[in-house]
Amino acid sequence: MKYRAIVSLLIASVPTILLSAEPSAFGAGDLSNPKPYGLTSGEKVILETKDQLKKVALKSNSQASRLDSLRERIDGLQSIVEGIGRKTHNNQVHLQELKENQTKSLANIAEYEKRLSDSIEANKQALEEVQTTLSDISQNYVSKEQYNELVKSVNDFKNLVAKELKIGKGTHKLSKISTAKLYNQAKAYYSKRYYSKAIDAYEELIRRNYKPAYGNYMIGEMNFKRKNYANAIAYYKKSSALYSKATYMPTLMLHTAVAMQRTGDKSHAKAFYNAIIAKYPNTPEAKKAKSALGK
C-alpha cells in the first residue's frame, strides 16, 4: 500500500515540476492534453516517463491485489491447517482411549477365561464325584426293582401277620355267630367294600369248612381289588384246587392272569389267557383275554 501511494504521488508531481520551468504557448507542449503536440525533446521524455510510471502503477496495483488475494488464501489455508491440527489431536486422544479400552478389555477377557477355566475344572471334579457315587451305588446298593420287590415282600409279610392277629382277635366274636348269618354278613361287607371285615368273615367260614372254595375265591378278589396281586394269586390257587368247576372260574382265571401280568410274570399270564380262550371260548372273560394277548 505504501509503494502505490509513492508511485501515484510521483506521477502527479513530475509534470508540475517540469512544466513550471518552461510555460507553453497556444497549448503547445501541454502534457495534460490527451493528445499533446509541439513537444520538445524534454517534454517527450517526460511524457514517456509518465506513461511508464502509469504502467508501473497499474502493475503495482495488480500485484497488490494479487498479494491481498494470496494473503486471503493463506489465511484460509491456515484455518484449514488449524482444523486439521485439531482433528489430528482429537484422533490421537481417541486412539489413546481405544488403546486404554483395549487394554482393559484384554484384561477382562483374561479374567473371564480364568474364571471359565476354574468353573470347568470345578464341574469336572463334581462330575467325577457323581460318577464315583453312581458306581458305588451300582456296586453296593440294590436296584429299584429289587428294592420294590423287597418292600412288597415286607408288606406281604406284615399283612399276613396283621391278618393272623385279626383272626385271632376276632375268632372269639365271630365264633358266636351262626354260619348262615356270618355268610350273609360276609356278602354284605363285600358289597359295601368293607373288605377287612369281609375277609375276617370269610376266613372264619373257611375254618368252619363252609364253602371253602368260594371263601378263598372271595378273599382273592378283595386282594385283587386292593392290588395285593401276590396274595390274590395264592387264594385263587387254593380256590381252584378245592373246586375247579365253579361258575366263577372264568373270572378267577382272568384275574389270575392279570395279577401275574402285573407282577411281571408274563409267560404264565399268557398261558392263563390262552387257557381261558380254549376252555371258556364264548365268555366275556375269553374276549378280554384275547384283547390282552393282542396288546
Protein backbone atom coordinates (compact mmCIF):
# COMPACT_ATOMS: atom_id res chain seq x y z
CA MET A 1 0.00 0.00 0.00
CA LYS A 2 2.84 2.49 0.77
CA TYR A 3 4.51 1.63 -2.55
CA ARG A 4 1.39 2.52 -4.57
CA ALA A 5 0.98 5.83 -2.76
CA ILE A 6 4.55 6.83 -3.54
CA VAL A 7 4.15 5.98 -7.25
CA SER A 8 0.89 7.95 -7.51
CA LEU A 9 2.44 10.96 -5.82
CA LEU A 10 5.43 10.82 -8.16
CA ILE A 11 3.27 10.68 -11.29
CA ALA A 12 1.27 13.67 -10.15
CA SER A 13 4.23 15.83 -9.18
CA VAL A 14 6.62 15.23 -12.10
CA PRO A 15 4.62 17.09 -14.81
CA THR A 16 4.04 20.01 -12.49
CA ILE A 17 7.67 20.36 -11.65
CA LEU A 18 8.82 20.07 -15.24
CA LEU A 19 6.13 22.31 -16.75
CA SER A 20 6.74 25.09 -14.31
CA ALA A 21 10.19 25.54 -15.76
CA GLU A 22 9.01 26.13 -19.31
CA PRO A 23 5.48 27.51 -19.96
CA SER A 24 3.99 26.68 -23.34
CA ALA A 25 2.17 28.98 -25.87
CA PHE A 26 -1.01 28.27 -27.71
CA GLY A 27 -1.39 24.94 -25.99
CA ALA A 28 1.76 23.52 -27.46
CA GLY A 29 3.67 21.30 -25.06
CA ASP A 30 0.56 20.73 -22.87
CA LEU A 31 1.29 17.36 -21.36
CA SER A 32 -2.11 17.23 -19.69
CA ASN A 33 -3.77 17.15 -23.11
CA PRO A 34 -4.85 13.65 -24.08
CA LYS A 35 -3.05 14.22 -27.46
CA PRO A 36 -0.23 16.67 -26.75
CA TYR A 37 1.58 18.32 -29.69
CA GLY A 38 4.52 20.59 -30.22
CA LEU A 39 6.53 18.73 -27.65
CA THR A 40 10.14 19.37 -27.19
CA SER A 41 12.58 16.53 -26.71
CA GLY A 42 12.45 17.06 -22.98
CA GLU A 43 8.69 17.05 -22.98
CA LYS A 44 8.66 13.81 -24.94
CA VAL A 45 10.93 12.24 -22.34
CA ILE A 46 8.59 13.49 -19.62
CA LEU A 47 5.60 12.05 -21.48
CA GLU A 48 7.30 8.69 -21.92
CA THR A 49 8.30 8.69 -18.27
CA LYS A 50 4.73 9.49 -17.31
CA ASP A 51 3.42 6.58 -19.40
CA GLN A 52 5.95 4.23 -17.90
CA LEU A 53 5.01 5.42 -14.41
CA LYS A 54 1.31 4.71 -15.20
CA LYS A 55 2.21 1.22 -16.33
CA VAL A 56 4.27 0.71 -13.19
CA ALA A 57 1.37 1.98 -11.11
CA LEU A 58 -1.10 -0.40 -12.84
CA LYS A 59 1.31 -3.29 -12.43
CA SER A 60 1.85 -2.31 -8.82
CA ASN A 61 -1.89 -2.18 -8.22
CA SER A 62 -2.31 -5.59 -9.86
CA GLN A 63 0.48 -7.07 -7.78
CA ALA A 64 -1.01 -5.54 -4.64
CA SER A 65 -4.39 -7.10 -5.49
CA ARG A 66 -2.74 -10.46 -6.09
CA LEU A 67 -0.84 -10.06 -2.84
CA ASP A 68 -4.11 -9.37 -0.95
CA SER A 69 -5.70 -12.40 -2.63
CA LEU A 70 -2.72 -14.55 -1.68
CA ARG A 71 -2.96 -13.30 1.88
CA GLU A 72 -6.64 -14.23 1.99
CA ARG A 73 -5.85 -17.68 0.58
CA ILE A 74 -3.05 -18.08 3.13
CA ASP A 75 -5.47 -17.13 5.90
CA GLY A 76 -7.96 -19.72 4.56
CA LEU A 77 -5.24 -22.36 4.34
CA GLN A 78 -4.14 -21.51 7.85
CA SER A 79 -7.71 -22.06 9.08
CA ILE A 80 -7.81 -25.41 7.28
CA VAL A 81 -4.45 -26.39 8.72
CA GLU A 82 -5.63 -25.42 12.20
CA GLY A 83 -8.79 -27.53 11.69
CA ILE A 84 -6.70 -30.46 10.55
CA GLY A 85 -4.48 -29.97 13.59
CA ARG A 86 -7.50 -30.05 15.92
CA LYS A 87 -8.87 -33.20 14.23
CA THR A 88 -5.44 -34.81 14.43
CA HIS A 89 -5.28 -34.03 18.13
CA ASN A 90 -8.79 -35.40 18.69
CA ASN A 91 -7.93 -38.52 16.73
CA GLN A 92 -4.80 -39.01 18.82
CA VAL A 93 -6.85 -38.66 22.02
CA HIS A 94 -9.48 -41.10 20.70
CA LEU A 95 -6.78 -43.53 19.65
CA GLN A 96 -5.25 -43.37 23.11
CA GLU A 97 -8.67 -44.04 24.65
CA LEU A 98 -9.14 -47.01 22.32
CA LYS A 99 -5.76 -48.38 23.34
CA GLU A 100 -6.65 -48.00 27.02
CA ASN A 101 -10.07 -49.62 26.48
CA GLN A 102 -8.47 -52.43 24.52
CA THR A 103 -6.02 -53.00 27.37
CA LYS A 104 -8.91 -53.14 29.83
CA SER A 105 -10.86 -55.46 27.51
CA LEU A 106 -7.91 -57.79 27.20
CA ALA A 107 -7.60 -57.82 30.97
CA ASN A 108 -11.33 -58.58 31.32
CA ILE A 109 -11.07 -61.37 28.73
CA ALA A 110 -8.13 -62.87 30.58
CA GLU A 111 -10.08 -62.73 33.85
CA TYR A 112 -13.15 -64.30 32.19
CA GLU A 113 -11.04 -67.07 30.68
CA LYS A 114 -9.55 -67.77 34.09
CA ARG A 115 -12.99 -67.93 35.73
CA LEU A 116 -14.29 -70.16 32.92
CA SER A 117 -11.32 -72.48 33.32
CA ASP A 118 -11.88 -72.63 37.09
CA SER A 119 -15.59 -73.36 36.55
CA ILE A 120 -14.85 -76.13 34.05
CA GLU A 121 -12.38 -77.68 36.46
CA ALA A 122 -14.90 -77.49 39.32
CA ASN A 123 -17.64 -79.03 37.16
CA LYS A 124 -15.23 -81.73 36.08
CA GLN A 125 -14.47 -82.61 39.71
CA ALA A 126 -18.18 -82.60 40.56
CA LEU A 127 -18.92 -84.88 37.59
CA GLU A 128 -16.18 -87.27 38.68
CA GLU A 129 -17.68 -87.33 42.19
CA VAL A 130 -21.15 -88.06 40.77
CA GLN A 131 -19.76 -90.84 38.58
CA THR A 132 -17.93 -92.31 41.58
CA THR A 133 -21.12 -92.14 43.66
CA LEU A 134 -23.16 -93.80 40.90
CA SER A 135 -20.52 -96.50 40.61
CA ASP A 136 -20.66 -97.12 44.35
CA ILE A 137 -24.46 -97.23 44.22
CA SER A 138 -24.46 -99.71 41.35
CA GLN A 139 -21.98 -101.94 43.19
CA ASN A 140 -23.18 -101.69 46.78
CA TYR A 141 -26.90 -100.95 46.61
CA VAL A 142 -29.88 -102.86 45.29
CA SER A 143 -31.64 -101.85 42.09
CA LYS A 144 -35.02 -100.15 42.01
CA GLU A 145 -36.72 -103.40 41.01
CA GLN A 146 -35.00 -105.28 43.80
CA TYR A 147 -35.95 -102.59 46.28
CA ASN A 148 -39.60 -102.64 45.18
CA GLU A 149 -39.66 -106.44 45.42
CA LEU A 150 -38.15 -106.25 48.90
CA VAL A 151 -40.72 -103.66 50.00
CA LYS A 152 -43.50 -105.80 48.54
CA SER A 153 -42.27 -108.88 50.42
CA VAL A 154 -42.11 -106.95 53.69
CA ASN A 155 -45.61 -105.55 53.14
CA ASP A 156 -46.96 -109.01 52.32
CA PHE A 157 -45.43 -110.36 55.50
CA LYS A 158 -46.87 -107.50 57.55
CA ASN A 159 -50.31 -108.05 56.01
CA LEU A 160 -50.09 -111.75 56.76
CA VAL A 161 -49.10 -111.12 60.38
CA ALA A 162 -51.81 -108.49 60.76
CA LYS A 163 -54.33 -110.86 59.25
CA GLU A 164 -53.38 -113.61 61.67
CA LEU A 165 -53.64 -111.20 64.57
CA LYS A 166 -57.05 -110.02 63.41
CA ILE A 167 -58.22 -113.58 63.01
CA GLY A 168 -57.02 -114.43 66.49
CA LYS A 169 -58.73 -111.39 67.96
CA GLY A 170 -61.95 -111.81 66.01
CA THR A 171 -62.34 -115.54 66.39
CA HIS A 172 -63.99 -115.24 69.73
CA LYS A 173 -66.57 -112.70 68.46
CA LEU A 174 -67.27 -114.43 65.14
CA SER A 175 -67.48 -117.86 66.72
CA LYS A 176 -70.67 -116.84 68.46
CA ILE A 177 -72.40 -116.00 65.15
CA SER A 178 -74.22 -118.69 63.24
CA THR A 179 -72.77 -119.85 59.93
CA ALA A 180 -75.73 -118.66 57.87
CA LYS A 181 -75.69 -115.23 59.48
CA LEU A 182 -71.92 -114.97 59.16
CA TYR A 183 -72.14 -115.86 55.46
CA ASN A 184 -74.73 -113.13 54.89
CA GLN A 185 -72.60 -110.67 56.84
CA ALA A 186 -69.57 -111.52 54.69
CA LYS A 187 -71.51 -110.84 51.48
CA ALA A 188 -72.89 -107.56 52.92
CA TYR A 189 -69.44 -106.40 53.97
CA TYR A 190 -68.12 -107.17 50.48
CA SER A 191 -70.96 -105.25 48.81
CA LYS A 192 -70.22 -102.20 50.97
CA ARG A 193 -66.47 -102.58 50.31
CA TYR A 194 -65.73 -103.24 53.97
CA TYR A 195 -63.02 -105.61 52.80
CA SER A 196 -61.25 -106.09 56.15
CA LYS A 197 -64.47 -107.22 57.86
CA ALA A 198 -65.45 -109.32 54.86
CA ILE A 199 -62.07 -111.07 54.83
CA ASP A 200 -62.38 -111.84 58.56
CA ALA A 201 -65.84 -113.32 57.99
CA TYR A 202 -64.73 -115.48 55.04
CA GLU A 203 -61.66 -116.65 56.98
CA GLU A 204 -63.96 -117.83 59.80
CA LEU A 205 -66.21 -119.58 57.29
CA ILE A 206 -63.17 -121.36 55.80
CA ARG A 207 -62.18 -122.53 59.29
CA ARG A 208 -65.70 -123.92 59.64
CA ASN A 209 -65.17 -125.56 56.25
CA TYR A 210 -68.22 -123.78 54.89
CA LYS A 211 -67.85 -123.27 51.13
CA PRO A 212 -64.04 -123.00 51.41
CA ALA A 213 -63.51 -122.79 47.64
CA TYR A 214 -65.84 -119.80 47.41
CA GLY A 215 -64.34 -118.22 50.55
CA ASN A 216 -60.80 -118.41 49.12
CA TYR A 217 -62.07 -117.01 45.82
CA MET A 218 -63.73 -114.04 47.55
CA ILE A 219 -60.64 -113.28 49.64
CA GLY A 220 -58.60 -113.48 46.43
CA GLU A 221 -60.99 -110.99 44.79
CA MET A 222 -60.61 -108.49 47.63
CA ASN A 223 -56.82 -108.75 47.50
CA PHE A 224 -57.00 -108.26 43.71
CA LYS A 225 -59.06 -105.09 44.16
CA ARG A 226 -56.52 -103.87 46.72
CA LYS A 227 -53.75 -104.64 44.18
CA ASN A 228 -52.20 -107.21 46.52
CA TYR A 229 -51.65 -109.41 43.48
CA ALA A 230 -49.37 -112.00 45.11
CA ASN A 231 -51.91 -112.69 47.86
CA ALA A 232 -54.72 -112.76 45.32
CA ILE A 233 -52.91 -115.41 43.23
CA ALA A 234 -52.36 -117.57 46.35
CA TYR A 235 -56.07 -117.53 47.26
CA TYR A 236 -57.13 -118.13 43.64
CA LYS A 237 -54.88 -121.18 43.59
CA LYS A 238 -56.44 -122.58 46.77
CA SER A 239 -59.94 -121.99 45.43
CA SER A 240 -59.33 -123.72 42.08
CA ALA A 241 -57.68 -126.65 43.85
CA LEU A 242 -60.77 -127.10 46.02
CA TYR A 243 -63.36 -126.77 43.24
CA SER A 244 -62.31 -126.28 39.61
CA LYS A 245 -65.85 -126.45 38.15
CA ALA A 246 -67.26 -123.40 39.94
CA THR A 247 -69.22 -120.86 37.92
CA TYR A 248 -66.77 -118.13 38.84
CA MET A 249 -63.78 -120.00 37.33
CA PRO A 250 -63.57 -117.83 34.16
CA THR A 251 -63.30 -114.71 36.35
CA LEU A 252 -60.84 -116.43 38.69
CA MET A 253 -58.59 -117.43 35.78
CA LEU A 254 -58.82 -113.99 34.13
CA HIS A 255 -57.91 -112.17 37.35
CA THR A 256 -55.11 -114.68 37.97
CA ALA A 257 -53.68 -113.90 34.53
CA VAL A 258 -53.98 -110.14 35.11
CA ALA A 259 -52.31 -110.43 38.53
CA MET A 260 -49.47 -112.45 37.02
CA GLN A 261 -49.02 -109.90 34.24
CA ARG A 262 -48.92 -107.00 36.70
CA THR A 263 -46.33 -108.75 38.88
CA GLY A 264 -44.10 -109.30 35.83
CA ASP A 265 -44.86 -113.00 35.28
CA LYS A 266 -45.83 -112.51 31.64
CA SER A 267 -45.20 -116.07 30.45
CA HIS A 268 -47.65 -117.61 32.94
CA ALA A 269 -50.11 -114.80 32.33
CA LYS A 270 -50.06 -115.61 28.62
CA ALA A 271 -50.66 -119.30 29.39
CA PHE A 272 -53.70 -118.42 31.53
CA TYR A 273 -55.10 -116.12 28.82
CA ASN A 274 -54.82 -118.93 26.27
CA ALA A 275 -56.40 -121.40 28.74
CA ILE A 276 -59.40 -119.09 29.21
CA ILE A 277 -59.89 -118.80 25.43
CA ALA A 278 -59.65 -122.56 25.00
CA LYS A 279 -61.79 -123.61 27.96
CA TYR A 280 -64.37 -120.79 28.00
CA PRO A 281 -64.42 -119.53 24.39
CA ASN A 282 -67.85 -117.89 24.45
CA THR A 283 -67.48 -115.93 27.67
CA PRO A 284 -66.78 -112.24 28.22
CA GLU A 285 -63.59 -113.33 30.01
CA ALA A 286 -62.37 -115.04 26.81
CA LYS A 287 -62.95 -111.80 24.88
CA LYS A 288 -60.91 -109.85 27.46
CA ALA A 289 -58.18 -112.48 27.30
CA LYS A 290 -57.95 -112.10 23.51
CA SER A 291 -57.71 -108.33 23.89
CA ALA A 292 -54.94 -108.68 26.48
CA LEU A 293 -52.99 -111.01 24.19
CA GLY A 294 -53.45 -108.61 21.30
CA LYS A 295 -51.89 -105.80 23.33
